[in-house]
C-alpha atoms as a PDB file:
ATOM      1  CA  MET A   1      12.835 -33.384  49.916  1.00  0.00           C
ATOM      2  CA  LEU A   2      14.871 -36.408  52.007  1.00  0.00           C
ATOM      3  CA  LEU A   3      18.070 -34.967  50.779  1.00  0.00           C
ATOM      4  CA  LYS A   4      17.308 -31.957  51.711  1.00  0.00           C
ATOM      5  CA  LYS A   5      16.036 -33.754  55.265  1.00  0.00           C
ATOM      6  CA  LEU A   6      19.860 -35.502  55.423  1.00  0.00           C
ATOM      7  CA  LEU A   7      21.682 -32.808  54.190  1.00  0.00           C
ATOM      8  CA  PHE A   8      20.752 -30.465  57.074  1.00  0.00           C
ATOM      9  CA  PHE A   9      21.374 -33.001  59.824  1.00  0.00           C
ATOM     10  CA  ILE A  10      24.571 -33.885  58.402  1.00  0.00           C
ATOM     11  CA  CYS A  11      25.561 -30.147  58.155  1.00  0.00           C
ATOM     12  CA  GLY A  12      23.231 -28.140  61.318  1.00  0.00           C
ATOM     13  CA  ASP A  13      22.270 -24.716  60.405  1.00  0.00           C
ATOM     14  CA  LYS A  14      24.968 -22.776  60.174  1.00  0.00           C
ATOM     15  CA  TYR A  15      24.188 -21.008  56.896  1.00  0.00           C
ATOM     16  CA  ASN A  16      20.237 -21.659  56.633  1.00  0.00           C
ATOM     17  CA  HIS A  17      19.977 -19.112  53.953  1.00  0.00           C
ATOM     18  CA  ARG A  18      21.353 -21.078  51.619  1.00  0.00           C
ATOM     19  CA  GLN A  19      19.640 -24.323  50.233  1.00  0.00           C
ATOM     20  CA  TYR A  20      22.457 -26.569  50.864  1.00  0.00           C
ATOM     21  CA  PRO A  21      24.406 -25.831  54.431  1.00  0.00           C
ATOM     22  CA  ARG A  22      28.519 -25.186  53.432  1.00  0.00           C
ATOM     23  CA  LYS A  23      31.801 -26.588  55.415  1.00  0.00           C
ATOM     24  CA  GLU A  24      34.834 -24.949  55.805  1.00  0.00           C
ATOM     25  CA  ILE A  25      37.360 -26.978  53.942  1.00  0.00           C
ATOM     26  CA  ASN A  26      40.951 -26.935  53.084  1.00  0.00           C
ATOM     27  CA  ALA A  27      41.866 -28.243  50.249  1.00  0.00           C
ATOM     28  CA  VAL A  28      43.396 -28.008  46.777  1.00  0.00           C
ATOM     29  CA  ILE A  29      41.199 -28.704  43.463  1.00  0.00           C
ATOM     30  CA  LYS A  30      41.942 -28.880  39.828  1.00  0.00           C
ATOM     31  CA  TYR A  31      40.535 -27.217  37.292  1.00  0.00           C
ATOM     32  CA  ARG A  32      40.557 -26.163  33.342  1.00  0.00           C
ATOM     33  CA  LEU A  33      38.466 -24.721  30.589  1.00  0.00           C
ATOM     34  CA  HIS A  34      35.438 -27.489  30.151  1.00  0.00           C
ATOM     35  CA  ARG A  35      36.259 -29.150  27.078  1.00  0.00           C
ATOM     36  CA  GLU A  36      40.086 -28.068  27.117  1.00  0.00           C
ATOM     37  CA  LYS A  37      42.013 -31.277  26.216  1.00  0.00           C
ATOM     38  CA  GLY A  38      45.090 -32.368  27.887  1.00  0.00           C
ATOM     39  CA  GLU A  39      46.422 -32.761  31.495  1.00  0.00           C
ATOM     40  CA  ASP A  40      49.113 -30.628  31.361  1.00  0.00           C
ATOM     41  CA  ASN A  41      45.566 -27.767  31.215  1.00  0.00           C
ATOM     42  CA  TYR A  42      45.246 -28.254  34.452  1.00  0.00           C
ATOM     43  CA  GLU A  43      45.268 -25.774  36.872  1.00  0.00           C
ATOM     44  CA  TYR A  44      44.916 -25.407  40.571  1.00  0.00           C
ATOM     45  CA  ALA A  45      43.011 -23.203  43.685  1.00  0.00           C
ATOM     46  CA  TYR A  46      42.367 -23.312  46.577  1.00  0.00           C
ATOM     47  CA  CYS A  47      38.809 -24.210  47.885  1.00  0.00           C
ATOM     48  CA  LYS A  48      37.720 -22.318  50.771  1.00  0.00           C
ATOM     49  CA  ASN A  49      34.258 -24.033  51.552  1.00  0.00           C
ATOM     50  CA  ILE A  50      32.082 -26.695  50.153  1.00  0.00           C
ATOM     51  CA  SER A  51      28.404 -27.641  50.505  1.00  0.00           C
ATOM     52  CA  PHE A  52      26.098 -30.558  48.273  1.00  0.00           C
ATOM     53  CA  GLY A  53      25.696 -27.534  45.938  1.00  0.00           C
ATOM     54  CA  GLY A  54      28.869 -26.235  45.248  1.00  0.00           C
ATOM     55  CA  ILE A  55      31.981 -24.952  46.370  1.00  0.00           C
ATOM     56  CA  LEU A  56      34.025 -21.248  47.040  1.00  0.00           C
ATOM     57  CA  VAL A  57      36.919 -21.394  44.794  1.00  0.00           C
ATOM     58  CA  GLU A  58      39.598 -18.869  45.665  1.00  0.00           C
ATOM     59  CA  ASN A  59      42.360 -17.363  43.366  1.00  0.00           C
ATOM     60  CA  LEU A  60      42.320 -19.184  40.184  1.00  0.00           C
ATOM     61  CA  GLU A  61      44.602 -18.355  37.885  1.00  0.00           C
ATOM     62  CA  LYS A  62      42.993 -16.942  35.096  1.00  0.00           C
ATOM     63  CA  PRO A  63      40.141 -14.281  35.258  1.00  0.00           C
ATOM     64  CA  PHE A  64      36.695 -15.996  34.828  1.00  0.00           C
ATOM     65  CA  GLU A  65      33.612 -14.435  34.273  1.00  0.00           C
ATOM     66  CA  VAL A  66      30.125 -15.390  35.661  1.00  0.00           C
ATOM     67  CA  GLY A  67      28.636 -18.412  33.487  1.00  0.00           C
ATOM     68  CA  THR A  68      32.195 -20.001  32.299  1.00  0.00           C
ATOM     69  CA  VAL A  69      32.014 -23.903  32.806  1.00  0.00           C
ATOM     70  CA  LEU A  70      35.528 -25.965  34.190  1.00  0.00           C
ATOM     71  CA  ASP A  71      35.887 -28.919  34.386  1.00  0.00           C
ATOM     72  CA  MET A  72      36.923 -29.731  38.126  1.00  0.00           C
ATOM     73  CA  GLN A  73      38.761 -32.849  40.333  1.00  0.00           C
ATOM     74  CA  LEU A  74      38.703 -32.423  44.134  1.00  0.00           C
ATOM     75  CA  THR A  75      40.653 -34.869  45.755  1.00  0.00           C
ATOM     76  CA  VAL A  76      38.738 -36.225  49.033  1.00  0.00           C
ATOM     77  CA  PRO A  77      41.194 -35.441  51.723  1.00  0.00           C
ATOM     78  CA  GLY A  78      42.570 -38.206  53.917  1.00  0.00           C
ATOM     79  CA  GLU A  79      41.540 -40.217  50.904  1.00  0.00           C
ATOM     80  CA  ASN A  80      42.201 -41.143  47.848  1.00  0.00           C
ATOM     81  CA  THR A  81      39.050 -40.575  45.997  1.00  0.00           C
ATOM     82  CA  VAL A  82      38.885 -38.125  43.239  1.00  0.00           C
ATOM     83  CA  LEU A  83      35.482 -36.399  42.653  1.00  0.00           C
ATOM     84  CA  PHE A  84      35.544 -35.239  39.112  1.00  0.00           C
ATOM     85  CA  PHE A  85      32.558 -32.947  37.971  1.00  0.00           C
ATOM     86  CA  LEU A  86      31.440 -30.152  35.832  1.00  0.00           C
ATOM     87  CA  GLY A  87      31.515 -27.083  37.766  1.00  0.00           C
ATOM     88  CA  LYS A  88      29.695 -23.184  36.671  1.00  0.00           C
ATOM     89  CA  ILE A  89      30.744 -20.076  37.532  1.00  0.00           C
ATOM     90  CA  VAL A  90      27.608 -18.116  39.441  1.00  0.00           C
ATOM     91  CA  HIS A  91      29.405 -15.514  41.415  1.00  0.00           C
ATOM     92  CA  LYS A  92      32.895 -13.650  41.822  1.00  0.00           C
ATOM     93  CA  GLU A  93      34.347 -10.975  44.447  1.00  0.00           C
ATOM     94  CA  THR A  94      36.700  -9.643  45.185  1.00  0.00           C
ATOM     95  CA  ASN A  95      38.306 -10.659  49.123  1.00  0.00           C
ATOM     96  CA  GLU A  96      39.807  -8.847  51.781  1.00  0.00           C
ATOM     97  CA  SER A  97      43.524 -10.097  50.585  1.00  0.00           C
ATOM     98  CA  GLY A  98      42.567  -8.589  46.445  1.00  0.00           C
ATOM     99  CA  LYS A  99      42.030 -12.142  45.316  1.00  0.00           C
ATOM    100  CA  PHE A 100      38.814 -13.109  43.685  1.00  0.00           C
ATOM    101  CA  ASP A 101      36.042 -15.282  45.315  1.00  0.00           C
ATOM    102  CA  TYR A 102      34.122 -17.645  42.502  1.00  0.00           C
ATOM    103  CA  GLY A 103      31.375 -19.423  43.854  1.00  0.00           C
ATOM    104  CA  VAL A 104      31.098 -22.348  41.831  1.00  0.00           C
ATOM    105  CA  LYS A 105      27.872 -24.418  41.129  1.00  0.00           C
ATOM    106  CA  PHE A 106      28.633 -28.388  40.419  1.00  0.00           C
ATOM    107  CA  ILE A 107      26.370 -29.045  37.543  1.00  0.00           C
ATOM    108  CA  ASN A 108      26.579 -32.788  36.385  1.00  0.00           C
ATOM    109  CA  LYS A 109      27.097 -34.842  39.661  1.00  0.00           C
ATOM    110  CA  THR A 110      26.534 -38.500  38.980  1.00  0.00           C
ATOM    111  CA  VAL A 111      25.084 -40.596  41.666  1.00  0.00           C
ATOM    112  CA  GLU A 112      28.601 -41.375  42.598  1.00  0.00           C
ATOM    113  CA  VAL A 113      29.673 -38.214  42.869  1.00  0.00           C
ATOM    114  CA  LYS A 114      26.425 -36.928  45.232  1.00  0.00           C
ATOM    115  CA  THR A 115      27.116 -40.879  46.903  1.00  0.00           C
ATOM    116  CA  LYS A 116      30.455 -39.416  48.073  1.00  0.00           C
ATOM    117  CA  LEU A 117      29.716 -35.999  48.453  1.00  0.00           C
ATOM    118  CA  ILE A 118      27.151 -36.882  51.150  1.00  0.00           C
ATOM    119  CA  GLU A 119      30.091 -39.082  52.886  1.00  0.00           C
ATOM    120  CA  PHE A 120      32.365 -36.396  52.428  1.00  0.00           C
ATOM    121  CA  LEU A 121      30.248 -34.003  53.981  1.00  0.00           C
ATOM    122  CA  ALA A 122      29.407 -35.852  57.220  1.00  0.00           C
ATOM    123  CA  MET A 123      32.937 -36.481  58.132  1.00  0.00           C
ATOM    124  CA  LEU A 124      33.298 -32.407  58.274  1.00  0.00           C
ATOM    125  CA  LYS A 125      32.293 -30.380  61.391  1.00  0.00           C
END
């Protein structure tokens, strides 16, 4: 409950119908299928918004189904910090440009990732 109150204070009430308010972001995210090995297997996508619970990603190079688990890396803009996490695709829809938007839920945030994510969300307006 304290975490929710802290996030509300940081993020405001713009998207009050969500468990965690979302913040717009202009960032590139690296991803690959979970358990796929090798740095060469990472692809890039555009991250449209972020919250403590997940991200909205546009135009993954490969089509994925809801339920797919991805290894993901987000470099915090303006810092040398990289957040490593697992994400599970929870919804998929076509956007106005005909590309897919994927809602990705964070599923294994470590204490370090949670801390960095709260700090990062606090920086966003």
